[in-house]
Amino acid sequence: MEAIDDIRSNIVLRRVVERLERGDINGAIAAMHLEEAAFRPLDEAIRHAFNGGGVATIEQMPTLRDPNGHQIVIRWDARNLAAEEWLREHSATLVSNIVADQEAAIRAALAEGLARGDNPTRSAIDIVGRVNRVTGKREGGILGLTAQQAAYVDTAREELLSGDPVAMRNYLERARRDKRFDRTVLKALAEGKPLPADAVARIVGRYSDGLLKLRADTIALHETFSALGSSRDIAFRQQIEAGRVQAQHITKTWRHTPQVHPRAQHVVMHGQVVPFDQPFIAPDGTTIRYPHAPGTPTRHTIGCKCFAEYKIDYVAKLTI
């Protein structure tokens, strides 16, 4: 959310409009400065979660002792090659994908606007949002949304502007709409009149903000579990590489966290135990090193709250 707010606040609308007036969509996108550097707050949040997960894993490990009974000192090494490689590759891939998706969504929206003959200023504002006179910040727009979400916003706008009762009622079924505007929409339906353009702009702007919050929450959940899952796995690998524990003495158990809409496959996997160096097997045959492990198909990661429970068998069967 901070990254999107930073991008919005640094956009000079006039420059975007000037390029749209020339039909230069690429130039308009370039004027929005959708740079990877703007997503440093997200990058730092992931780094913090990753390191926090590594430290917590080490702190929860049982006391390890050498053959002479002396306690073995174990630490989380955030500068370990595997740790740094995960952070570098994961963050870089995530941010580049977000930027690429942003550009695709904006390019599609602008192309459709030009094809309809929309006013360049209106097209630009529909992308970057309108300035809230109270906060001084831009709100609404499709910045930060996926291409699919941006399409939802465009469809919602068409529904409300159409004046068609069926289309307007369809808008009232949208889960992420701001329900405070429902009375306005219902009044227009009762009177059989289309909504004024300025009212539609406000309503759609809040709907867009709701979708942005949904995407932020989705990314936050996914990236938190990815960072914690990877840091736990790497923390154990660090101890194995240092000779403090052997992989053959470690097992992993899949733990499913109950939720409103659980994945049936993950419910079945709850309690599945495998050796440390072997993957879990999903009912559909997918091999998963641990929940949210790199390379795991999105059908097994988005919205998933599962985690791996590690056990060092030779130390009093203590669970970590």
Protein backbone atom coordinates (compact mmCIF):
# COMPACT_ATOMS: atom_id res chain seq x y z
CA MET A 1 0.00 0.00 0.00
CA GLU A 2 2.90 2.34 0.79
CA ALA A 3 4.49 1.58 -2.56
CA ILE A 4 1.31 2.32 -4.52
CA ASP A 5 0.73 5.51 -2.52
CA ASP A 6 4.31 6.60 -3.31
CA ILE A 7 3.78 6.00 -7.04
CA ARG A 8 0.47 7.88 -7.03
CA SER A 9 1.84 10.86 -5.13
CA ASN A 10 4.72 11.31 -7.57
CA ILE A 11 2.66 11.21 -10.75
CA VAL A 12 2.34 14.49 -12.63
CA LEU A 13 -1.06 14.10 -14.26
CA ARG A 14 -0.37 16.73 -16.91
CA ARG A 15 2.52 14.70 -18.33
CA VAL A 16 0.39 11.57 -18.57
CA VAL A 17 -2.44 13.51 -20.28
CA GLU A 18 -0.06 15.13 -22.78
CA ARG A 19 1.15 11.72 -23.94
CA LEU A 20 -2.37 10.34 -24.18
CA GLU A 21 -3.37 13.32 -26.31
CA ARG A 22 -0.70 12.15 -28.76
CA GLY A 23 -1.94 8.56 -28.53
CA ASP A 24 1.35 7.55 -26.91
CA ILE A 25 0.31 4.82 -24.46
CA ASN A 26 3.87 3.68 -23.76
CA GLY A 27 4.87 7.25 -23.04
CA ALA A 28 1.91 7.68 -20.67
CA ILE A 29 2.93 4.55 -18.76
CA ALA A 30 6.55 5.71 -18.60
CA ALA A 31 5.36 9.03 -17.12
CA MET A 32 3.81 7.12 -14.21
CA HIS A 33 7.26 5.89 -13.09
CA LEU A 34 6.23 2.33 -12.22
CA GLU A 35 9.72 1.52 -11.02
CA GLU A 36 10.84 -1.46 -8.97
CA ALA A 37 12.54 0.93 -6.54
CA ALA A 38 9.10 2.11 -5.41
CA PHE A 39 8.45 -1.33 -3.94
CA ARG A 40 11.36 -1.24 -1.48
CA PRO A 41 8.92 -1.11 1.50
CA LEU A 42 7.53 -4.47 0.37
CA ASP A 43 11.04 -5.83 -0.12
CA GLU A 44 12.04 -4.76 3.40
CA ALA A 45 8.87 -6.23 4.93
CA ILE A 46 9.67 -9.60 3.34
CA ARG A 47 13.27 -9.42 4.57
CA HIS A 48 12.07 -8.67 8.09
CA ALA A 49 9.63 -11.59 8.09
CA PHE A 50 12.25 -13.93 6.65
CA ASN A 51 14.90 -13.05 9.23
CA GLY A 52 12.32 -13.13 12.02
CA GLY A 53 11.31 -16.63 10.98
CA GLY A 54 14.92 -17.81 10.97
CA VAL A 55 15.62 -16.39 14.42
CA ALA A 56 12.40 -17.87 15.85
CA THR A 57 13.20 -21.30 14.41
CA ILE A 58 16.61 -21.35 16.05
CA GLU A 59 15.20 -20.13 19.38
CA GLN A 60 12.62 -22.93 19.36
CA MET A 61 15.11 -25.70 18.64
CA PRO A 62 15.83 -28.05 21.56
CA THR A 63 19.22 -27.81 23.24
CA LEU A 64 21.79 -29.71 21.18
CA ARG A 65 24.83 -31.29 22.85
CA ASP A 66 28.03 -32.86 21.54
CA PRO A 67 29.16 -36.41 22.48
CA ASN A 68 30.83 -34.97 25.60
CA GLY A 69 27.60 -33.42 26.80
CA HIS A 70 28.60 -29.83 26.00
CA GLN A 71 25.91 -27.54 24.65
CA ILE A 72 26.26 -26.74 20.96
CA VAL A 73 25.84 -23.07 20.08
CA ILE A 74 23.45 -22.56 17.16
CA ARG A 75 22.60 -19.30 15.43
CA TRP A 76 20.57 -18.05 12.49
CA ASP A 77 22.85 -16.74 9.76
CA ALA A 78 20.99 -14.23 7.62
CA ARG A 79 24.15 -13.79 5.49
CA ASN A 80 24.25 -17.49 4.67
CA LEU A 81 24.45 -18.07 0.90
CA ALA A 82 21.13 -19.92 0.73
CA ALA A 83 19.40 -17.23 2.82
CA GLU A 84 20.73 -14.35 0.73
CA GLU A 85 19.96 -16.17 -2.51
CA TRP A 86 16.35 -16.79 -1.46
CA LEU A 87 15.83 -13.15 -0.49
CA ARG A 88 17.46 -11.83 -3.65
CA GLU A 89 15.67 -14.08 -6.12
CA HIS A 90 12.30 -14.13 -4.38
CA SER A 91 12.04 -10.38 -3.92
CA ALA A 92 13.34 -9.58 -7.39
CA THR A 93 10.89 -11.96 -9.04
CA LEU A 94 7.93 -10.74 -6.98
CA VAL A 95 8.53 -7.06 -7.64
CA SER A 96 9.27 -7.48 -11.34
CA ASN A 97 6.06 -9.50 -11.73
CA ILE A 98 4.04 -6.84 -9.91
CA VAL A 99 5.44 -4.09 -12.13
CA ALA A 100 4.86 -6.12 -15.31
CA ASP A 101 1.27 -6.87 -14.26
CA GLN A 102 0.72 -3.19 -13.51
CA GLU A 103 1.91 -2.15 -16.93
CA ALA A 104 -0.25 -4.77 -18.64
CA ALA A 105 -3.38 -3.67 -16.74
CA ILE A 106 -2.76 0.02 -17.44
CA ARG A 107 -1.95 -0.58 -21.11
CA ALA A 108 -5.20 -2.54 -21.59
CA ALA A 109 -7.27 0.13 -19.81
CA LEU A 110 -5.74 2.98 -21.80
CA ALA A 111 -6.13 1.14 -25.09
CA GLU A 112 -9.82 0.52 -24.37
CA GLY A 113 -10.28 4.16 -23.36
CA LEU A 114 -8.71 5.43 -26.57
CA ALA A 115 -10.81 3.01 -28.61
CA ARG A 116 -13.97 4.37 -26.96
CA GLY A 117 -12.84 7.92 -27.60
CA ASP A 118 -12.58 8.78 -23.90
CA ASN A 119 -11.22 12.17 -22.94
CA PRO A 120 -7.44 11.78 -22.21
CA THR A 121 -7.81 13.53 -18.85
CA ARG A 122 -10.61 11.21 -17.79
CA SER A 123 -8.61 8.17 -18.95
CA ALA A 124 -5.60 9.30 -16.95
CA ILE A 125 -7.64 9.96 -13.81
CA ASP A 126 -9.34 6.58 -14.13
CA ILE A 127 -5.85 5.08 -13.99
CA VAL A 128 -4.11 7.12 -11.29
CA GLY A 129 -7.15 8.08 -9.18
CA ARG A 130 -8.62 11.36 -8.02
CA VAL A 131 -7.17 13.63 -5.35
CA ASN A 132 -9.09 13.55 -2.07
CA ARG A 133 -9.49 17.19 -1.06
CA VAL A 134 -9.37 16.26 2.63
CA THR A 135 -6.26 14.05 2.65
CA GLY A 136 -4.56 15.50 -0.43
CA LYS A 137 -3.86 11.93 -1.64
CA ARG A 138 -5.08 10.15 -4.73
CA GLU A 139 -7.74 7.48 -4.29
CA GLY A 140 -9.36 5.02 -6.67
CA GLY A 141 -7.84 4.33 -10.05
CA ILE A 142 -6.39 0.97 -11.02
CA LEU A 143 -2.79 1.43 -9.90
CA GLY A 144 -1.83 -1.59 -7.82
CA LEU A 145 -4.54 -3.84 -9.23
CA THR A 146 -4.03 -6.97 -11.29
CA ALA A 147 -5.14 -6.94 -14.92
CA GLN A 148 -8.20 -8.96 -13.95
CA GLN A 149 -9.11 -6.59 -11.12
CA ALA A 150 -8.69 -3.60 -13.42
CA ALA A 151 -11.17 -5.27 -15.78
CA TYR A 152 -13.60 -5.66 -12.87
CA VAL A 153 -13.38 -1.92 -12.21
CA ASP A 154 -14.01 -1.09 -15.87
CA THR A 155 -17.03 -3.40 -15.97
CA ALA A 156 -18.42 -1.94 -12.74
CA ARG A 157 -18.15 1.55 -14.24
CA GLU A 158 -20.03 0.44 -17.35
CA GLU A 159 -22.74 -1.18 -15.23
CA LEU A 160 -23.37 2.00 -13.25
CA LEU A 161 -23.25 4.33 -16.26
CA SER A 162 -25.51 2.14 -18.39
CA GLY A 163 -28.74 2.92 -16.57
CA ASP A 164 -29.73 -0.67 -17.29
CA PRO A 165 -31.51 -2.09 -14.20
CA VAL A 166 -30.05 -5.56 -14.69
CA ALA A 167 -26.49 -4.24 -14.99
CA MET A 168 -26.87 -1.91 -12.01
CA ARG A 169 -28.24 -4.72 -9.86
CA ASN A 170 -25.27 -6.82 -10.91
CA TYR A 171 -23.01 -4.13 -9.45
CA LEU A 172 -24.83 -4.53 -6.12
CA GLU A 173 -23.66 -8.16 -6.06
CA ARG A 174 -19.98 -7.22 -6.11
CA ALA A 175 -18.39 -8.34 -2.83
CA ARG A 176 -15.75 -5.59 -2.67
CA ARG A 177 -18.08 -2.66 -3.35
CA ASP A 178 -18.45 0.10 -0.76
CA LYS A 179 -21.92 -0.63 0.58
CA ARG A 180 -22.33 2.95 1.79
CA PHE A 181 -23.20 3.83 -1.81
CA ASP A 182 -25.86 1.14 -2.18
CA ARG A 183 -28.61 3.60 -1.24
CA THR A 184 -27.54 5.90 -4.07
CA VAL A 185 -27.63 3.06 -6.60
CA LEU A 186 -31.00 1.80 -5.32
CA LYS A 187 -32.46 5.31 -5.54
CA ALA A 188 -31.39 5.57 -9.18
CA LEU A 189 -32.95 2.18 -9.87
CA ALA A 190 -36.22 3.19 -8.22
CA GLU A 191 -36.35 6.39 -10.26
CA GLY A 192 -35.35 4.60 -13.45
CA LYS A 193 -32.50 7.04 -14.06
CA PRO A 194 -28.79 6.49 -14.77
CA LEU A 195 -26.31 7.64 -12.17
CA PRO A 196 -24.47 10.94 -12.76
CA ALA A 197 -20.90 10.52 -13.98
CA ASP A 198 -19.41 12.19 -10.88
CA ALA A 199 -21.35 9.82 -8.59
CA VAL A 200 -20.14 6.83 -10.63
CA ALA A 201 -16.57 8.08 -10.33
CA ARG A 202 -16.83 8.17 -6.53
CA ILE A 203 -18.52 4.78 -6.29
CA VAL A 204 -16.09 3.06 -8.65
CA GLY A 205 -13.17 4.72 -6.89
CA ARG A 206 -14.15 3.14 -3.58
CA TYR A 207 -14.73 -0.20 -5.29
CA SER A 208 -11.22 0.02 -6.73
CA ASP A 209 -9.81 0.81 -3.28
CA GLY A 210 -11.56 -2.29 -1.93
CA LEU A 211 -9.92 -4.44 -4.60
CA LEU A 212 -6.53 -2.86 -3.86
CA LYS A 213 -6.93 -3.75 -0.18
CA LEU A 214 -7.82 -7.30 -1.19
CA ARG A 215 -4.68 -7.59 -3.29
CA ALA A 216 -2.55 -6.11 -0.52
CA ASP A 217 -3.95 -8.62 1.97
CA THR A 218 -3.44 -11.49 -0.48
CA ILE A 219 0.19 -10.52 -1.10
CA ALA A 220 0.81 -9.97 2.62
CA LEU A 221 -0.55 -13.40 3.57
CA HIS A 222 1.24 -15.21 0.75
CA GLU A 223 4.59 -13.49 1.25
CA THR A 224 4.53 -13.89 5.03
CA PHE A 225 3.97 -17.65 4.79
CA SER A 226 6.55 -17.91 2.00
CA ALA A 227 9.18 -16.06 4.04
CA LEU A 228 8.50 -18.00 7.23
CA GLY A 229 8.36 -21.36 5.47
CA SER A 230 11.61 -20.80 3.62
CA SER A 231 13.47 -19.39 6.62
CA ARG A 232 12.49 -22.43 8.73
CA ASP A 233 13.73 -24.83 6.07
CA ILE A 234 16.97 -22.90 5.56
CA ALA A 235 17.55 -22.62 9.34
CA PHE A 236 17.54 -26.41 9.60
CA ARG A 237 19.76 -26.75 6.53
CA GLN A 238 22.28 -24.40 8.13
CA GLN A 239 22.53 -26.67 11.17
CA ILE A 240 22.86 -29.76 8.95
CA GLU A 241 25.63 -28.14 6.90
CA ALA A 242 27.42 -27.17 10.11
CA GLY A 243 27.29 -30.79 11.31
CA ARG A 244 25.19 -29.96 14.37
CA VAL A 245 22.34 -32.28 13.36
CA GLN A 246 21.83 -34.91 10.66
CA ALA A 247 19.08 -34.79 8.07
CA GLN A 248 18.20 -38.43 8.73
CA HIS A 249 17.13 -37.46 12.25
CA ILE A 250 14.66 -34.81 11.08
CA THR A 251 11.10 -35.29 9.87
CA LYS A 252 8.50 -32.83 8.57
CA THR A 253 4.77 -32.95 9.28
CA TRP A 254 2.22 -31.05 7.16
CA ARG A 255 -0.07 -28.94 9.35
CA HIS A 256 -3.27 -27.47 7.93
CA THR A 257 -4.68 -24.35 9.55
CA PRO A 258 -8.51 -24.43 9.70
CA GLN A 259 -10.16 -21.65 7.67
CA VAL A 260 -13.52 -20.76 6.14
CA HIS A 261 -12.72 -22.04 2.64
CA PRO A 262 -10.06 -24.73 3.10
CA ARG A 263 -8.31 -26.54 0.29
CA ALA A 264 -9.66 -30.09 0.35
CA GLN A 265 -6.25 -31.43 -0.71
CA HIS A 266 -4.48 -29.70 2.18
CA VAL A 267 -7.04 -30.97 4.66
CA VAL A 268 -6.21 -34.50 3.45
CA MET A 269 -2.48 -33.77 3.79
CA HIS A 270 -2.79 -32.69 7.43
CA GLY A 271 -0.56 -34.96 9.50
CA GLN A 272 1.43 -36.31 6.53
CA VAL A 273 4.98 -37.04 7.73
CA VAL A 274 8.04 -37.22 5.45
CA PRO A 275 11.83 -37.25 5.96
CA PHE A 276 13.50 -33.82 5.91
CA ASP A 277 14.97 -34.23 2.41
CA GLN A 278 11.81 -35.61 0.83
CA PRO A 279 8.76 -33.66 -0.38
CA PHE A 280 5.17 -33.92 0.71
CA ILE A 281 2.82 -35.47 -1.86
CA ALA A 282 -0.52 -33.78 -2.55
CA PRO A 283 -3.53 -35.89 -3.61
CA ASP A 284 -3.19 -34.52 -7.16
CA GLY A 285 0.38 -35.83 -7.29
CA THR A 286 2.11 -32.46 -6.79
CA THR A 287 5.37 -32.73 -4.83
CA ILE A 288 5.83 -29.91 -2.31
CA ARG A 289 9.03 -29.51 -0.28
CA TYR A 290 7.13 -27.51 2.33
CA PRO A 291 4.10 -25.17 2.21
CA HIS A 292 4.85 -22.15 -0.01
CA ALA A 293 8.20 -23.58 -1.14
CA PRO A 294 9.64 -21.96 -4.30
CA GLY A 295 8.28 -23.59 -7.43
CA THR A 296 5.05 -24.77 -5.81
CA PRO A 297 2.05 -24.22 -8.17
CA THR A 298 -0.17 -21.27 -7.19
CA ARG A 299 -3.14 -23.61 -6.78
CA HIS A 300 -1.34 -24.83 -3.66
CA THR A 301 -0.11 -21.47 -2.34
CA ILE A 302 -2.47 -18.50 -2.80
CA GLY A 303 -4.44 -18.06 0.41
CA CYS A 304 -2.81 -21.15 1.97
CA LYS A 305 -2.07 -20.99 5.71
CA CYS A 306 -0.47 -24.42 6.06
CA PHE A 307 2.98 -24.86 7.58
CA ALA A 308 5.54 -27.63 8.15
CA GLU A 309 6.25 -28.83 11.67
CA TYR A 310 9.82 -30.10 12.09
CA LYS A 311 10.87 -32.73 14.58
CA ILE A 312 14.36 -33.82 15.58
CA ASP A 313 13.65 -37.43 16.49
CA TYR A 314 16.80 -38.23 18.42
CA VAL A 315 16.38 -35.39 20.93
CA ALA A 316 13.56 -36.54 23.22
CA LYS A 317 11.04 -36.32 20.36
CA LEU A 318 10.77 -32.56 20.95
CA THR A 319 8.62 -30.69 18.43
CA ILE A 320 9.74 -27.37 17.04
